[in-house]
Structures are given as structure tokens and as C-alpha cells.
Protein backbone atom coordinates (compact mmCIF):
# COMPACT_ATOMS: atom_id res chain seq x y z
CA MET A 1 -20.17 15.49 7.94
CA LYS A 2 -17.91 15.47 5.52
CA ARG A 3 -17.05 19.44 5.78
CA LEU A 4 -16.56 18.26 9.90
CA LEU A 5 -14.19 15.54 8.94
CA ARG A 6 -12.01 17.61 7.06
CA LEU A 7 -11.61 20.31 10.05
CA LYS A 8 -8.07 20.34 10.37
CA ALA A 9 -8.59 20.10 14.22
CA VAL A 10 -10.64 17.05 13.75
CA GLN A 11 -8.47 15.57 11.48
CA GLU A 12 -5.58 15.94 13.84
CA LEU A 13 -7.44 14.16 16.51
CA LEU A 14 -8.55 11.62 13.94
CA SER A 15 -4.95 10.49 13.18
CA ARG A 16 -4.06 10.55 17.10
CA LEU A 17 -7.07 7.84 17.29
CA ILE A 18 -5.84 5.86 14.48
CA ALA A 19 -2.28 5.55 15.36
CA ALA A 20 -3.61 4.13 18.69
CA TYR A 21 -5.51 1.80 17.45
CA VAL A 22 -2.98 0.48 14.71
CA ASP A 23 -0.51 -0.04 17.76
CA LEU A 24 -3.25 -1.91 19.71
CA VAL A 25 -4.01 -3.90 16.81
CA THR A 26 -0.16 -4.60 15.63
CA ALA A 27 0.81 -5.48 18.79
CA THR A 28 -2.32 -8.51 19.05
CA LEU A 29 -2.69 -9.89 15.33
CA ARG A 30 -1.77 -13.55 15.34
CA TRP A 31 -0.14 -13.65 11.80
CA ARG A 32 -0.01 -16.65 9.23
CA TYR A 33 2.24 -15.76 6.17
CA GLU A 34 3.05 -17.22 2.86
CA ASN A 35 6.14 -16.39 1.28
CA ARG A 36 7.47 -13.75 3.83
CA GLN A 37 10.83 -14.94 2.81
CA SER A 38 11.09 -13.20 -0.38
CA VAL A 39 10.48 -9.69 2.28
CA ASP A 40 12.86 -10.31 4.42
CA ALA A 41 15.98 -11.05 2.30
CA VAL A 42 14.86 -7.89 0.57
CA MET A 43 14.33 -5.83 3.94
CA ILE A 44 17.78 -6.79 5.25
CA GLY A 45 19.58 -5.53 1.82
CA SER A 46 20.62 -1.95 0.94
CA HIS A 47 18.15 -1.87 -2.05
CA GLY A 48 14.94 -0.31 -2.11
CA ALA A 49 11.54 -1.62 -3.33
CA LEU A 50 7.79 -1.30 -3.77
CA GLY A 51 4.93 -3.05 -2.38
CA PHE A 52 1.35 -2.86 -3.41
CA PHE A 53 -1.64 -3.46 -1.73
CA TRP A 54 -5.66 -3.14 -2.26
CA HIS A 55 -7.33 0.06 -0.68
CA GLY A 56 -9.65 -1.41 1.57
CA ARG A 57 -6.75 -3.20 3.23
CA ILE A 58 -4.88 0.06 4.45
CA ALA A 59 -5.32 -0.54 7.77
CA GLN A 60 -4.02 -4.02 8.20
CA ALA A 61 -0.64 -3.12 6.02
CA MET A 62 -0.36 -0.28 8.47
CA ALA A 63 0.26 -3.50 10.84
CA CYS A 64 2.67 -4.81 9.09
CA ARG A 65 5.27 -2.36 9.84
CA PRO A 66 7.02 -4.89 11.74
CA LEU A 67 8.29 -7.10 8.73
CA LEU A 68 9.88 -3.68 7.75
CA ALA A 69 12.50 -4.14 10.10
CA ASP A 70 14.53 -1.15 10.32
CA LYS A 71 14.50 -0.58 6.26
CA PRO A 72 13.85 3.32 5.15
CA ARG A 73 10.11 3.70 3.94
CA ARG A 74 7.58 5.30 2.70
CA VAL A 75 3.72 5.58 1.81
CA MET A 76 2.38 6.98 -1.16
CA ILE A 77 -1.02 8.86 -0.22
CA SER A 78 -3.41 11.06 -2.03
CA LEU A 79 -3.60 14.73 -1.90
CA SER A 80 -7.51 14.79 -1.13
CA ARG A 81 -8.81 16.47 1.90
CA ASP A 82 -10.09 13.06 2.48
CA GLY A 83 -6.25 11.09 2.88
CA GLU A 84 -4.90 13.94 5.18
CA PHE A 85 -5.88 12.24 8.46
CA ILE A 86 -4.48 9.01 7.14
CA ALA A 87 -1.40 10.90 5.92
CA LEU A 88 -0.68 12.48 9.84
CA ALA A 89 -1.62 8.79 11.35
CA ALA A 90 0.90 7.43 8.92
CA GLU A 91 3.84 9.71 9.78
CA ARG A 92 2.48 9.17 13.57
CA LEU A 93 3.34 5.69 13.46
CA GLY A 94 6.53 6.26 11.68
CA VAL A 95 6.15 6.04 8.06
CA PRO A 96 6.95 9.17 5.93
CA THR A 97 4.78 10.24 3.58
CA ILE A 98 4.85 10.61 -0.61
CA ARG A 99 1.45 12.80 -1.14
CA GLY A 100 0.03 12.13 -4.36
CA SER A 101 -0.82 9.19 -6.69
CA ALA A 102 0.75 7.14 -8.93
CA GLY A 103 -1.24 7.50 -11.78
CA LYS A 104 -4.76 7.18 -13.77
CA ASN A 105 -6.14 3.95 -15.12
CA ASP A 106 -4.85 5.43 -18.61
CA GLY A 107 -1.33 6.56 -17.06
CA SER A 108 -1.76 9.83 -17.11
CA LEU A 109 -0.88 11.49 -13.70
CA VAL A 110 -3.35 13.05 -11.13
CA LYS A 111 -2.89 16.08 -9.00
CA GLY A 112 0.14 15.87 -7.47
CA GLY A 113 1.21 13.18 -9.54
CA ALA A 114 4.10 14.01 -11.31
CA THR A 115 6.01 15.27 -8.20
CA ALA A 116 4.74 12.18 -6.32
CA PHE A 117 6.28 9.97 -9.32
CA ARG A 118 9.71 11.64 -9.06
CA ARG A 119 9.89 10.97 -5.22
CA ALA A 120 9.06 7.50 -5.17
CA VAL A 121 11.32 7.04 -7.77
CA ASP A 122 13.78 8.77 -6.02
CA ARG A 123 13.52 7.07 -2.49
CA ALA A 124 13.44 3.68 -4.26
CA ARG A 125 16.52 4.38 -5.88
CA ALA A 126 17.83 5.50 -2.45
CA GLY A 127 17.22 2.24 -0.94
CA GLU A 128 13.82 2.83 0.59
CA VAL A 129 10.60 0.76 0.20
CA VAL A 130 7.47 2.92 -1.59
CA LEU A 131 4.08 1.64 -0.22
CA LEU A 132 1.37 2.48 -2.30
CA THR A 133 -2.56 1.26 -3.28
CA PRO A 134 -2.73 0.83 -6.70
CA ASP A 135 -6.53 1.23 -6.69
CA GLY A 136 -6.51 4.37 -4.49
CA PRO A 137 -7.94 6.87 -3.75
CA ARG A 138 -10.61 6.34 -5.58
CA GLY A 139 -10.84 2.95 -7.92
CA PRO A 140 -12.47 1.43 -9.51
CA ARG A 141 -11.31 -1.36 -6.54
CA GLU A 142 -8.98 -3.58 -6.97
CA VAL A 143 -8.11 -3.15 -10.36
CA MET A 144 -4.33 -2.16 -11.19
CA PRO A 145 -3.99 0.92 -13.21
CA MET A 146 -0.93 1.53 -15.40
CA GLY A 147 0.47 4.03 -13.46
CA PRO A 148 2.01 1.42 -10.48
CA ILE A 149 3.57 -0.42 -13.48
CA ARG A 150 5.59 3.06 -15.39
CA LEU A 151 6.87 3.42 -11.31
CA ALA A 152 8.40 -0.34 -11.40
CA GLN A 153 9.90 0.29 -14.73
CA ALA A 154 11.24 3.60 -13.55
CA THR A 155 12.62 2.22 -10.23
CA ASP A 156 14.04 -0.82 -11.65
CA CYS A 157 13.60 -2.50 -7.78
CA PRO A 158 11.85 -5.75 -7.16
CA VAL A 159 8.13 -5.16 -6.99
CA PHE A 160 5.79 -7.47 -3.68
CA LEU A 161 2.08 -8.21 -4.32
CA MET A 162 0.60 -8.42 -0.95
CA GLY A 163 -2.84 -9.77 -0.30
CA LEU A 164 -4.27 -8.86 3.52
CA ALA A 165 -7.02 -10.29 5.51
CA ALA A 166 -7.94 -10.66 9.15
CA ARG A 167 -11.33 -12.09 11.25
CA PRO A 168 -12.68 -10.72 12.97
CA THR A 169 -12.76 -7.35 11.56
CA LEU A 170 -14.97 -3.85 11.11
CA LEU A 171 -16.28 -3.33 7.67
CA LEU A 172 -16.27 0.67 7.15
CA GLY A 173 -17.91 -0.23 3.56
CA GLY A 174 -17.57 2.23 1.15
CA TRP A 175 -16.18 2.23 -2.78
CA ASP A 176 -13.32 -0.09 -1.58
CA ALA A 177 -15.05 -2.38 0.77
CA GLY A 178 -12.59 -0.95 3.25
CA ARG A 179 -12.05 -3.58 6.35
CA VAL A 180 -10.61 -2.83 10.42
CA PRO A 181 -8.93 -5.48 11.86
CA LEU A 182 -10.27 -6.11 15.09
CA PRO A 183 -7.58 -6.66 18.20
CA PHE A 184 -6.79 -10.17 19.31
CA ALA A 185 -7.61 -11.13 15.60
CA ARG A 186 -6.67 -13.52 13.35
CA ALA A 187 -4.18 -12.19 10.51
CA ALA A 188 -2.74 -13.39 6.90
CA LEU A 189 -0.14 -12.20 4.60
CA VAL A 190 0.43 -13.47 1.56
CA VAL A 191 2.89 -12.29 -0.89
CA ALA A 192 3.73 -12.31 -4.89
CA GLY A 193 7.32 -11.83 -5.98
CA PRO A 194 9.56 -10.56 -6.23
CA LEU A 195 8.43 -8.81 -9.53
CA GLY A 196 10.34 -6.23 -12.04
CA VAL A 197 9.80 -4.22 -15.31
CA PRO A 198 12.04 -4.51 -18.13
CA ALA A 199 13.92 -1.14 -18.45
CA HIS A 200 12.81 -1.32 -22.22
CA ALA A 201 9.61 -2.76 -22.49
CA GLU A 202 7.36 -1.42 -25.04
CA GLU A 203 3.67 -0.40 -23.98
CA ALA A 204 2.15 -3.60 -25.49
CA GLU A 205 4.53 -5.28 -22.65
CA LEU A 206 3.57 -2.81 -20.22
CA GLN A 207 -0.13 -3.44 -20.86
CA THR A 208 0.01 -7.28 -20.70
CA LEU A 209 2.26 -6.97 -17.10
CA ARG A 210 -1.07 -4.55 -15.62
CA GLY A 211 -2.78 -7.52 -16.77
CA GLU A 212 -0.87 -10.28 -15.05
CA TRP A 213 0.23 -8.05 -11.75
CA GLN A 214 -3.90 -7.41 -11.48
CA ALA A 215 -4.66 -11.17 -11.50
CA ARG A 216 -1.65 -11.95 -9.07
CA MET A 217 -2.70 -9.50 -6.72
CA ARG A 218 -6.12 -10.49 -6.67
CA ALA A 219 -5.36 -14.26 -6.13
CA ALA A 220 -2.99 -13.28 -2.96
CA GLN A 221 -5.75 -11.46 -1.81
CA ALA A 222 -8.42 -14.23 -2.65
CA ARG A 223 -5.06 -16.55 -0.94
CA ALA A 224 -4.95 -14.26 2.62
CA GLU A 225 -9.06 -14.94 3.20
CA ALA A 226 -8.74 -18.49 2.32
CA LEU A 227 -5.91 -18.78 4.91
CA LEU A 228 -8.54 -17.70 7.35
């Protein structure tokens, strides 16, 4: 099955189906928001931003595109073959991709990470929104590694931590307990931020921020679930 899913023709078909489904869900979800005004204020400005959400909520995050208004955006997606059809779907939905990962739990870079890191910094400094899943591409689930913290420090842009929930959903399973909203579902978005990392923060302070952001992001996710 994995070999079949990694065939280019199959991934192309999957990307078309995913994009069509996300468009349907985007048009029918019934949203509740908390702290959306902080996001809206950045979307109308010229400064870039970073948006973090957990890997298991990728499908719902795609349905949040209208919140970005006309703001240029990018999404960071791993270079793994399994991420190929997700990247293709994102491109079809009008969200250009940065292929690679922000880094591992120990702060080191993974395959393509150095290039992806530099591109993310450049795009955010140029005024774009860069979206990524801190616990992707392989987990552990809902764990914040050091890579996104270092990225936030390098960009000097506001950071938003997002909790996303919907009911009813289709449970995909897997390491990230991925969920896909069903059409006409109720949905919630809870935003923590804007946050930032001091430009001259030392390693100990960065480690403290990593723990704090992880806790706040988990809390945002729990709050979004509670709203439904």
C-alpha cells in the first residue's frame, strides 16, 4: 500500500481529491473563534508572522485559509514521500510550500532542513505568513522541538500558536491521531499570541520558552476541543 501511495500518478490524484474536499469543508464549517482579532491585526499589516498548529490538525488548518485574507503565505511540509501529496494539495489550494522541516527535538536539522529554515526566515522577513507543524513530520505528538523556537528568534516576527478542533470528524489514526472535519461540522480556532523570542536570548531561555510554548499550544488545543 505504501508503494502504491508513493506513485506520482496516485499522489497527483490524491492531491486533487484532498483539495476538492478541503474546498467543500472550507465552505461549510461553522466556526467559533477565540483571540482572532490578534491574527486579523497582523493580516492587514506589512509584517510577516509564524503560525504553529499540531500535525494532526493539518486538514482543518487548510480550511482556515480565509483568515489569512490576501496575506502572502507559505506552509512548511517535510521532504518525505508521504508528504508529497499534501504539498501538492496545498499548492492547489493556493498555499505555496517550503519543503523541509524546522528541526528535531535536539535542535539539529533534518533532511533539507537548512534550506527550508533559510527560506522560512526570508519569507517571514519579506512579510509573508509561514505556517508549520512543530511536531511534524514524525512526532512525538504535540511535542514542541527547538527548531521552531530558533526559527521564531531568527525571523523576529510575531508567532501565533493555534488550537484547532471540529465535530464531527473522521479519525485517521497514526502517530498524530489525525482528524479530518466532515462537511457542515462545527469548528473552533483558539489562538495564543502574538508571541516572540528575544533576539539575544541564551540557550537556557530558549529551552524555557520551548516548554512554555508547548504548554500554551496544548492548552489552546484543549480549549478548542472544550468549545465544542
